[in-house]
Amino acid sequence: MITKETIKHLAVLSRLEFTEKQLDNFSHDLENIFNYAQMLNEVDTTGIIPSSHAMPLQNVFKEDRVIPYHNIEKIMANAPLEESHAFRVPKILAD
């Protein structure tokens, strides 16, 4: 069962705010979604080849290449904060 406490915890992690009515609705809606997913788990898939896509996929990305660049100061001029020739960004996750 999905409790309001679980929804509140997920909301904090997602940085979302909900009213009490929304929490009640989400709890009910998520319970229905999980029950439906459980029904799908009960479908007999014997002989069905597992797949994630109907069509085969290919990587369309280029190969990564290291290209030497010697003007670090020019890059770091755009950094609001810099540490050891790297951009320093604000922490977004708690310890």
PDB file of N, CA and C in Angstrom:
ATOM      1  N   MET A   1       0.838  -1.184   0.000  1.00  0.00           N
ATOM      2  CA  MET A   1       0.000   0.000   0.000  1.00  0.00           C
ATOM      3  C   MET A   1       0.882   1.247   0.000  1.00  0.00           C
ATOM      4  N   ILE A   2       0.514   2.199  -0.804  1.00  0.00           N
ATOM      5  CA  ILE A   2       1.232   3.466  -0.880  1.00  0.00           C
ATOM      6  C   ILE A   2       0.618   4.411   0.156  1.00  0.00           C
ATOM      7  N   THR A   3       1.410   4.795   1.131  1.00  0.00           N
ATOM      8  CA  THR A   3       0.897   5.668   2.190  1.00  0.00           C
ATOM      9  C   THR A   3       1.158   7.133   1.857  1.00  0.00           C
ATOM     10  N   LYS A   4       0.458   7.997   2.569  1.00  0.00           N
ATOM     11  CA  LYS A   4       0.697   9.429   2.407  1.00  0.00           C
ATOM     12  C   LYS A   4       2.121   9.782   2.817  1.00  0.00           C
ATOM     13  N   GLU A   5       2.661   9.064   3.797  1.00  0.00           N
ATOM     14  CA  GLU A   5       4.035   9.322   4.233  1.00  0.00           C
ATOM     15  C   GLU A   5       5.025   9.023   3.104  1.00  0.00           C
ATOM     16  N   THR A   6       4.769   7.948   2.353  1.00  0.00           N
ATOM     17  CA  THR A   6       5.630   7.616   1.211  1.00  0.00           C
ATOM     18  C   THR A   6       5.554   8.716   0.162  1.00  0.00           C
ATOM     19  N   ILE A   7       4.342   9.189  -0.120  1.00  0.00           N
ATOM     20  CA  ILE A   7       4.156  10.263  -1.104  1.00  0.00           C
ATOM     21  C   ILE A   7       4.864  11.533  -0.621  1.00  0.00           C
ATOM     22  N   LYS A   8       4.749  11.845   0.667  1.00  0.00           N
ATOM     23  CA  LYS A   8       5.427  13.028   1.208  1.00  0.00           C
ATOM     24  C   LYS A   8       6.940  12.904   1.057  1.00  0.00           C
ATOM     25  N   HIS A   9       7.463  11.710   1.337  1.00  0.00           N
ATOM     26  CA  HIS A   9       8.906  11.481   1.204  1.00  0.00           C
ATOM     27  C   HIS A   9       9.352  11.666  -0.248  1.00  0.00           C
ATOM     28  N   LEU A  10       8.600  11.093  -1.184  1.00  0.00           N
ATOM     29  CA  LEU A  10       8.931  11.250  -2.605  1.00  0.00           C
ATOM     30  C   LEU A  10       8.828  12.713  -3.030  1.00  0.00           C
ATOM     31  N   ALA A  11       7.863  13.423  -2.485  1.00  0.00           N
ATOM     32  CA  ALA A  11       7.705  14.843  -2.814  1.00  0.00           C
ATOM     33  C   ALA A  11       8.917  15.642  -2.350  1.00  0.00           C
ATOM     34  N   VAL A  12       9.412  15.341  -1.151  1.00  0.00           N
ATOM     35  CA  VAL A  12      10.602  16.037  -0.647  1.00  0.00           C
ATOM     36  C   VAL A  12      11.789  15.750  -1.554  1.00  0.00           C
ATOM     37  N   LEU A  13      11.969  14.477  -1.924  1.00  0.00           N
ATOM     38  CA  LEU A  13      13.085  14.122  -2.802  1.00  0.00           C
ATOM     39  C   LEU A  13      12.968  14.796  -4.166  1.00  0.00           C
ATOM     40  N   SER A  14      11.729  14.980  -4.631  1.00  0.00           N
ATOM     41  CA  SER A  14      11.481  15.585  -5.945  1.00  0.00           C
ATOM     42  C   SER A  14      11.346  17.100  -5.872  1.00  0.00           C
ATOM     43  N   ARG A  15      11.437  17.629  -4.656  1.00  0.00           N
ATOM     44  CA  ARG A  15      11.266  19.067  -4.423  1.00  0.00           C
ATOM     45  C   ARG A  15       9.908  19.564  -4.920  1.00  0.00           C
ATOM     46  N   LEU A  16       8.866  18.787  -4.582  1.00  0.00           N
ATOM     47  CA  LEU A  16       7.495  19.136  -4.934  1.00  0.00           C
ATOM     48  C   LEU A  16       6.701  19.388  -3.662  1.00  0.00           C
ATOM     49  N   GLU A  17       5.650  20.176  -3.779  1.00  0.00           N
ATOM     50  CA  GLU A  17       4.764  20.431  -2.649  1.00  0.00           C
ATOM     51  C   GLU A  17       3.344  20.069  -3.058  1.00  0.00           C
ATOM     52  N   PHE A  18       2.631  19.361  -2.162  1.00  0.00           N
ATOM     53  CA  PHE A  18       1.267  18.935  -2.434  1.00  0.00           C
ATOM     54  C   PHE A  18       0.361  19.310  -1.275  1.00  0.00           C
ATOM     55  N   THR A  19      -0.905  19.560  -1.594  1.00  0.00           N
ATOM     56  CA  THR A  19      -1.909  19.759  -0.552  1.00  0.00           C
ATOM     57  C   THR A  19      -2.297  18.394   0.000  1.00  0.00           C
ATOM     58  N   GLU A  20      -3.011  18.395   1.127  1.00  0.00           N
ATOM     59  CA  GLU A  20      -3.471  17.129   1.714  1.00  0.00           C
ATOM     60  C   GLU A  20      -4.382  16.385   0.743  1.00  0.00           C
ATOM     61  N   LYS A  21      -5.227  17.116   0.031  1.00  0.00           N
ATOM     62  CA  LYS A  21      -6.135  16.488  -0.944  1.00  0.00           C
ATOM     63  C   LYS A  21      -5.333  15.834  -2.068  1.00  0.00           C
ATOM     64  N   GLN A  22      -4.301  16.517  -2.548  1.00  0.00           N
ATOM     65  CA  GLN A  22      -3.452  15.941  -3.593  1.00  0.00           C
ATOM     66  C   GLN A  22      -2.734  14.693  -3.086  1.00  0.00           C
ATOM     67  N   LEU A  23      -2.277  14.720  -1.835  1.00  0.00           N
ATOM     68  CA  LEU A  23      -1.619  13.542  -1.265  1.00  0.00           C
ATOM     69  C   LEU A  23      -2.572  12.357  -1.232  1.00  0.00           C
ATOM     70  N   ASP A  24      -3.820  12.608  -0.838  1.00  0.00           N
ATOM     71  CA  ASP A  24      -4.819  11.530  -0.824  1.00  0.00           C
ATOM     72  C   ASP A  24      -5.048  10.991  -2.231  1.00  0.00           C
ATOM     73  N   ASN A  25      -5.178  11.906  -3.192  1.00  0.00           N
ATOM     74  CA  ASN A  25      -5.415  11.490  -4.580  1.00  0.00           C
ATOM     75  C   ASN A  25      -4.239  10.690  -5.129  1.00  0.00           C
ATOM     76  N   PHE A  26      -3.015  11.177  -4.902  1.00  0.00           N
ATOM     77  CA  PHE A  26      -1.836  10.466  -5.399  1.00  0.00           C
ATOM     78  C   PHE A  26      -1.721   9.086  -4.777  1.00  0.00           C
ATOM     79  N   SER A  27      -1.997   8.999  -3.495  1.00  0.00           N
ATOM     80  CA  SER A  27      -1.920   7.711  -2.815  1.00  0.00           C
ATOM     81  C   SER A  27      -2.873   6.720  -3.472  1.00  0.00           C
ATOM     82  N   HIS A  28      -4.096   7.155  -3.714  1.00  0.00           N
ATOM     83  CA  HIS A  28      -5.105   6.301  -4.358  1.00  0.00           C
ATOM     84  C   HIS A  28      -4.705   5.971  -5.800  1.00  0.00           C
ATOM     85  N   ASP A  29      -4.292   6.975  -6.563  1.00  0.00           N
ATOM     86  CA  ASP A  29      -3.930   6.766  -7.972  1.00  0.00           C
ATOM     87  C   ASP A  29      -2.729   5.836  -8.120  1.00  0.00           C
ATOM     88  N   LEU A  30      -1.703   6.047  -7.298  1.00  0.00           N
ATOM     89  CA  LEU A  30      -0.521   5.184  -7.387  1.00  0.00           C
ATOM     90  C   LEU A  30      -0.840   3.753  -6.993  1.00  0.00           C
ATOM     91  N   GLU A  31      -1.717   3.591  -6.027  1.00  0.00           N
ATOM     92  CA  GLU A  31      -2.144   2.240  -5.636  1.00  0.00           C
ATOM     93  C   GLU A  31      -2.807   1.540  -6.825  1.00  0.00           C
ATOM     94  N   ASN A  32      -3.659   2.261  -7.557  1.00  0.00           N
ATOM     95  CA  ASN A  32      -4.304   1.694  -8.748  1.00  0.00           C
ATOM     96  C   ASN A  32      -3.284   1.342  -9.826  1.00  0.00           C
ATOM     97  N   ILE A  33      -2.305   2.202 -10.029  1.00  0.00           N
ATOM     98  CA  ILE A  33      -1.272   1.943 -11.039  1.00  0.00           C
ATOM     99  C   ILE A  33      -0.468   0.705 -10.669  1.00  0.00           C
ATOM    100  N   PHE A  34      -0.055   0.599  -9.410  1.00  0.00           N
ATOM    101  CA  PHE A  34       0.726  -0.565  -8.984  1.00  0.00           C
ATOM    102  C   PHE A  34      -0.093  -1.845  -9.053  1.00  0.00           C
ATOM    103  N   ASN A  35      -1.382  -1.775  -8.740  1.00  0.00           N
ATOM    104  CA  ASN A  35      -2.241  -2.959  -8.865  1.00  0.00           C
ATOM    105  C   ASN A  35      -2.341  -3.397 -10.319  1.00  0.00           C
ATOM    106  N   TYR A  36      -2.442  -2.442 -11.235  1.00  0.00           N
ATOM    107  CA  TYR A  36      -2.497  -2.782 -12.659  1.00  0.00           C
ATOM    108  C   TYR A  36      -1.177  -3.404 -13.106  1.00  0.00           C
ATOM    109  N   ALA A  37      -0.064  -2.852 -12.651  1.00  0.00           N
ATOM    110  CA  ALA A  37       1.243  -3.418 -13.000  1.00  0.00           C
ATOM    111  C   ALA A  37       1.357  -4.846 -12.479  1.00  0.00           C
ATOM    112  N   GLN A  38       0.805  -5.110 -11.305  1.00  0.00           N
ATOM    113  CA  GLN A  38       0.827  -6.468 -10.762  1.00  0.00           C
ATOM    114  C   GLN A  38       0.036  -7.415 -11.666  1.00  0.00           C
ATOM    115  N   MET A  39      -1.079  -6.949 -12.217  1.00  0.00           N
ATOM    116  CA  MET A  39      -1.855  -7.772 -13.158  1.00  0.00           C
ATOM    117  C   MET A  39      -1.001  -8.114 -14.373  1.00  0.00           C
ATOM    118  N   LEU A  40      -0.213  -7.165 -14.856  1.00  0.00           N
ATOM    119  CA  LEU A  40       0.649  -7.418 -16.011  1.00  0.00           C
ATOM    120  C   LEU A  40       1.714  -8.451 -15.677  1.00  0.00           C
ATOM    121  N   ASN A  41       2.187  -8.463 -14.426  1.00  0.00           N
ATOM    122  CA  ASN A  41       3.178  -9.458 -14.007  1.00  0.00           C
ATOM    123  C   ASN A  41       2.622 -10.871 -14.042  1.00  0.00           C
ATOM    124  N   GLU A  42       1.308 -11.012 -13.974  1.00  0.00           N
ATOM    125  CA  GLU A  42       0.682 -12.326 -13.951  1.00  0.00           C
ATOM    126  C   GLU A  42       0.418 -12.880 -15.352  1.00  0.00           C
ATOM    127  N   VAL A  43       0.657 -12.094 -16.399  1.00  0.00           N
ATOM    128  CA  VAL A  43       0.434 -12.544 -17.777  1.00  0.00           C
ATOM    129  C   VAL A  43       1.474 -13.602 -18.131  1.00  0.00           C
ATOM    130  N   ASP A  44       1.019 -14.702 -18.748  1.00  0.00           N
ATOM    131  CA  ASP A  44       1.928 -15.777 -19.157  1.00  0.00           C
ATOM    132  C   ASP A  44       2.732 -15.315 -20.370  1.00  0.00           C
ATOM    133  N   THR A  45       4.030 -15.183 -20.195  1.00  0.00           N
ATOM    134  CA  THR A  45       4.903 -14.743 -21.286  1.00  0.00           C
ATOM    135  C   THR A  45       5.844 -15.863 -21.729  1.00  0.00           C
ATOM    136  N   THR A  46       5.450 -17.101 -21.463  1.00  0.00           N
ATOM    137  CA  THR A  46       6.262 -18.235 -21.881  1.00  0.00           C
ATOM    138  C   THR A  46       6.440 -18.198 -23.397  1.00  0.00           C
ATOM    139  N   GLY A  47       7.668 -18.296 -23.850  1.00  0.00           N
ATOM    140  CA  GLY A  47       7.953 -18.300 -25.281  1.00  0.00           C
ATOM    141  C   GLY A  47       8.095 -16.917 -25.889  1.00  0.00           C
ATOM    142  N   ILE A  48       7.908 -15.884 -25.121  1.00  0.00           N
ATOM    143  CA  ILE A  48       8.059 -14.513 -25.619  1.00  0.00           C
ATOM    144  C   ILE A  48       9.493 -14.076 -25.351  1.00  0.00           C
ATOM    145  N   ILE A  49      10.175 -13.648 -26.395  1.00  0.00           N
ATOM    146  CA  ILE A  49      11.558 -13.201 -26.254  1.00  0.00           C
ATOM    147  C   ILE A  49      11.565 -11.828 -25.582  1.00  0.00           C
ATOM    148  N   PRO A  50      12.320 -11.681 -24.487  1.00  0.00           N
ATOM    149  CA  PRO A  50      12.389 -10.365 -23.827  1.00  0.00           C
ATOM    150  C   PRO A  50      12.978  -9.313 -24.766  1.00  0.00           C
ATOM    151  N   SER A  51      12.397  -8.136 -24.748  1.00  0.00           N
ATOM    152  CA  SER A  51      12.918  -7.039 -25.567  1.00  0.00           C
ATOM    153  C   SER A  51      12.540  -5.718 -24.912  1.00  0.00           C
ATOM    154  N   SER A  52      13.288  -4.697 -25.246  1.00  0.00           N
ATOM    155  CA  SER A  52      12.964  -3.375 -24.727  1.00  0.00           C
ATOM    156  C   SER A  52      12.415  -2.465 -25.823  1.00  0.00           C
ATOM    157  N   HIS A  53      12.647  -2.840 -27.087  1.00  0.00           N
ATOM    158  CA  HIS A  53      12.169  -2.040 -28.208  1.00  0.00           C
ATOM    159  C   HIS A  53      11.656  -2.972 -29.304  1.00  0.00           C
ATOM    160  N   ALA A  54      10.659  -2.517 -30.032  1.00  0.00           N
ATOM    161  CA  ALA A  54      10.105  -3.329 -31.112  1.00  0.00           C
ATOM    162  C   ALA A  54      11.087  -3.452 -32.277  1.00  0.00           C
ATOM    163  N   MET A  55      11.856  -2.421 -32.501  1.00  0.00           N
ATOM    164  CA  MET A  55      12.825  -2.418 -33.599  1.00  0.00           C
ATOM    165  C   MET A  55      14.232  -2.427 -33.011  1.00  0.00           C
ATOM    166  N   PRO A  56      15.182  -3.071 -33.707  1.00  0.00           N
ATOM    167  CA  PRO A  56      16.560  -3.046 -33.188  1.00  0.00           C
ATOM    168  C   PRO A  56      17.118  -1.618 -33.210  1.00  0.00           C
ATOM    169  N   LEU A  57      17.883  -1.295 -32.190  1.00  0.00           N
ATOM    170  CA  LEU A  57      18.469   0.044 -32.083  1.00  0.00           C
ATOM    171  C   LEU A  57      19.964  -0.018 -32.318  1.00  0.00           C
ATOM    172  N   GLN A  58      20.488   1.061 -32.860  1.00  0.00           N
ATOM    173  CA  GLN A  58      21.926   1.170 -33.050  1.00  0.00           C
ATOM    174  C   GLN A  58      22.396   2.469 -32.405  1.00  0.00           C
ATOM    175  N   ASN A  59      23.603   2.451 -31.900  1.00  0.00           N
ATOM    176  CA  ASN A  59      24.185   3.646 -31.333  1.00  0.00           C
ATOM    177  C   ASN A  59      24.486   4.628 -32.465  1.00  0.00           C
ATOM    178  N   VAL A  60      23.930   5.830 -32.372  1.00  0.00           N
ATOM    179  CA  VAL A  60      24.153   6.834 -33.412  1.00  0.00           C
ATOM    180  C   VAL A  60      25.159   7.894 -32.966  1.00  0.00           C
ATOM    181  N   PHE A  61      25.759   7.685 -31.801  1.00  0.00           N
ATOM    182  CA  PHE A  61      26.710   8.653 -31.290  1.00  0.00           C
ATOM    183  C   PHE A  61      28.092   8.426 -31.883  1.00  0.00           C
ATOM    184  N   LYS A  62      28.838   9.507 -31.989  1.00  0.00           N
ATOM    185  CA  LYS A  62      30.211   9.414 -32.467  1.00  0.00           C
ATOM    186  C   LYS A  62      31.110   8.894 -31.357  1.00  0.00           C
ATOM    187  N   GLU A  63      32.205   8.330 -31.741  1.00  0.00           N
ATOM    188  CA  GLU A  63      33.205   7.854 -30.791  1.00  0.00           C
ATOM    189  C   GLU A  63      33.799   9.050 -30.043  1.00  0.00           C
ATOM    190  N   ASP A  64      33.971   8.917 -28.735  1.00  0.00           N
ATOM    191  CA  ASP A  64      34.615   9.979 -27.957  1.00  0.00           C
ATOM    192  C   ASP A  64      36.090  10.075 -28.336  1.00  0.00           C
ATOM    193  N   ARG A  65      36.574  11.315 -28.448  1.00  0.00           N
ATOM    194  CA  ARG A  65      37.991  11.528 -28.737  1.00  0.00           C
ATOM    195  C   ARG A  65      38.537  12.560 -27.766  1.00  0.00           C
ATOM    196  N   VAL A  66      39.741  12.345 -27.326  1.00  0.00           N
ATOM    197  CA  VAL A  66      40.422  13.328 -26.483  1.00  0.00           C
ATOM    198  C   VAL A  66      41.172  14.278 -27.403  1.00  0.00           C
ATOM    199  N   ILE A  67      40.891  15.566 -27.248  1.00  0.00           N
ATOM    200  CA  ILE A  67      41.567  16.582 -28.055  1.00  0.00           C
ATOM    201  C   ILE A  67      42.304  17.503 -27.089  1.00  0.00           C
ATOM    202  N   PRO A  68      43.613  17.564 -27.185  1.00  0.00           N
ATOM    203  CA  PRO A  68      44.365  18.434 -26.270  1.00  0.00           C
ATOM    204  C   PRO A  68      43.963  19.896 -26.460  1.00  0.00           C
ATOM    205  N   TYR A  69      43.804  20.592 -25.351  1.00  0.00           N
ATOM    206  CA  TYR A  69      43.478  22.012 -25.386  1.00  0.00           C
ATOM    207  C   TYR A  69      44.338  22.684 -24.332  1.00  0.00           C
ATOM    208  N   HIS A  70      45.087  23.668 -24.727  1.00  0.00           N
ATOM    209  CA  HIS A  70      46.092  24.238 -23.838  1.00  0.00           C
ATOM    210  C   HIS A  70      45.711  25.591 -23.242  1.00  0.00           C
ATOM    211  N   ASN A  71      44.560  26.129 -23.594  1.00  0.00           N
ATOM    212  CA  ASN A  71      44.178  27.440 -23.081  1.00  0.00           C
ATOM    213  C   ASN A  71      43.143  27.286 -21.958  1.00  0.00           C
ATOM    214  N   ILE A  72      43.549  26.642 -20.865  1.00  0.00           N
ATOM    215  CA  ILE A  72      42.664  26.383 -19.735  1.00  0.00           C
ATOM    216  C   ILE A  72      42.134  27.694 -19.146  1.00  0.00           C
ATOM    217  N   GLU A  73      42.965  28.729 -19.109  1.00  0.00           N
ATOM    218  CA  GLU A  73      42.546  30.002 -18.529  1.00  0.00           C
ATOM    219  C   GLU A  73      41.331  30.573 -19.260  1.00  0.00           C
ATOM    220  N   LYS A  74      41.271  30.399 -20.566  1.00  0.00           N
ATOM    221  CA  LYS A  74      40.145  30.907 -21.348  1.00  0.00           C
ATOM    222  C   LYS A  74      38.852  30.182 -20.955  1.00  0.00           C
ATOM    223  N   ILE A  75      38.939  28.891 -20.750  1.00  0.00           N
ATOM    224  CA  ILE A  75      37.763  28.116 -20.337  1.00  0.00           C
ATOM    225  C   ILE A  75      37.350  28.510 -18.925  1.00  0.00           C
ATOM    226  N   MET A  76      38.314  28.586 -18.024  1.00  0.00           N
ATOM    227  CA  MET A  76      38.018  28.879 -16.625  1.00  0.00           C
ATOM    228  C   MET A  76      37.508  30.301 -16.423  1.00  0.00           C
ATOM    229  N   ALA A  77      37.719  31.179 -17.403  1.00  0.00           N
ATOM    230  CA  ALA A  77      37.201  32.545 -17.307  1.00  0.00           C
ATOM    231  C   ALA A  77      35.673  32.539 -17.256  1.00  0.00           C
ATOM    232  N   ASN A  78      35.036  31.492 -17.766  1.00  0.00           N
ATOM    233  CA  ASN A  78      33.576  31.379 -17.766  1.00  0.00           C
ATOM    234  C   ASN A  78      33.035  30.683 -16.524  1.00  0.00           C
ATOM    235  N   ALA A  79      33.897  30.185 -15.676  1.00  0.00           N
ATOM    236  CA  ALA A  79      33.453  29.437 -14.495  1.00  0.00           C
ATOM    237  C   ALA A  79      33.108  30.396 -13.364  1.00  0.00           C
ATOM    238  N   PRO A  80      31.886  30.302 -12.809  1.00  0.00           N
ATOM    239  CA  PRO A  80      31.573  31.144 -11.657  1.00  0.00           C
ATOM    240  C   PRO A  80      32.456  30.790 -10.460  1.00  0.00           C
ATOM    241  N   LEU A  81      32.730  29.507 -10.280  1.00  0.00           N
ATOM    242  CA  LEU A  81      33.653  29.026  -9.255  1.00  0.00           C
ATOM    243  C   LEU A  81      34.573  28.006  -9.900  1.00  0.00           C
ATOM    244  N   GLU A  82      35.834  28.041  -9.503  1.00  0.00           N
ATOM    245  CA  GLU A  82      36.808  27.129 -10.114  1.00  0.00           C
ATOM    246  C   GLU A  82      37.651  26.504  -9.020  1.00  0.00           C
ATOM    247  N   GLU A  83      37.988  25.240  -9.231  1.00  0.00           N
ATOM    248  CA  GLU A  83      38.850  24.547  -8.282  1.00  0.00           C
ATOM    249  C   GLU A  83      39.696  23.538  -9.051  1.00  0.00           C
ATOM    250  N   SER A  84      40.991  23.679  -8.999  1.00  0.00           N
ATOM    251  CA  SER A  84      41.931  22.753  -9.656  1.00  0.00           C
ATOM    252  C   SER A  84      41.607  22.560 -11.135  1.00  0.00           C
ATOM    253  N   HIS A  85      41.412  23.667 -11.835  1.00  0.00           N
ATOM    254  CA  HIS A  85      41.103  23.644 -13.273  1.00  0.00           C
ATOM    255  C   HIS A  85      39.831  22.866 -13.581  1.00  0.00           C
ATOM    256  N   ALA A  86      38.828  22.970 -12.707  1.00  0.00           N
ATOM    257  CA  ALA A  86      37.529  22.332 -12.932  1.00  0.00           C
ATOM    258  C   ALA A  86      36.440  23.292 -12.467  1.00  0.00           C
ATOM    259  N   PHE A  87      35.278  23.224 -13.134  1.00  0.00           N
ATOM    260  CA  PHE A  87      34.146  24.027 -12.706  1.00  0.00           C
ATOM    261  C   PHE A  87      33.656  23.488 -11.369  1.00  0.00           C
ATOM    262  N   ARG A  88      33.453  24.364 -10.417  1.00  0.00           N
ATOM    263  CA  ARG A  88      32.881  23.947  -9.139  1.00  0.00           C
ATOM    264  C   ARG A  88      31.422  24.378  -9.141  1.00  0.00           C
ATOM    265  N   VAL A  89      30.532  23.431  -8.838  1.00  0.00           N
ATOM    266  CA  VAL A  89      29.097  23.708  -8.870  1.00  0.00           C
ATOM    267  C   VAL A  89      28.515  23.525  -7.473  1.00  0.00           C
ATOM    268  N   PRO A  90      27.376  24.164  -7.209  1.00  0.00           N
ATOM    269  CA  PRO A  90      26.754  24.011  -5.894  1.00  0.00           C
ATOM    270  C   PRO A  90      26.301  22.568  -5.661  1.00  0.00           C
ATOM    271  N   LYS A  91      26.356  22.146  -4.416  1.00  0.00           N
ATOM    272  CA  LYS A  91      25.905  20.809  -4.034  1.00  0.00           C
ATOM    273  C   LYS A  91      24.387  20.738  -4.193  1.00  0.00           C
ATOM    274  N   ILE A  92      23.874  19.651  -4.791  1.00  0.00           N
ATOM    275  CA  ILE A  92      22.426  19.506  -4.948  1.00  0.00           C
ATOM    276  C   ILE A  92      21.874  18.316  -4.172  1.00  0.00           C
ATOM    277  N   LEU A  93      22.737  17.425  -3.705  1.00  0.00           N
ATOM    278  CA  LEU A  93      22.291  16.263  -2.949  1.00  0.00           C
ATOM    279  C   LEU A  93      22.783  16.366  -1.517  1.00  0.00           C
ATOM    280  N   ALA A  94      21.953  15.939  -0.595  1.00  0.00           N
ATOM    281  CA  ALA A  94      22.346  15.949   0.815  1.00  0.00           C
ATOM    282  C   ALA A  94      23.290  14.793   1.097  1.00  0.00           C
ATOM    283  N   ASP A  95      24.039  14.910   2.177  1.00  0.00           N
ATOM    284  CA  ASP A  95      24.953  13.835   2.564  1.00  0.00           C
ATOM    285  C   ASP A  95      24.190  12.616   3.023  1.00  0.00           C
TER     286      ASP A  95
END
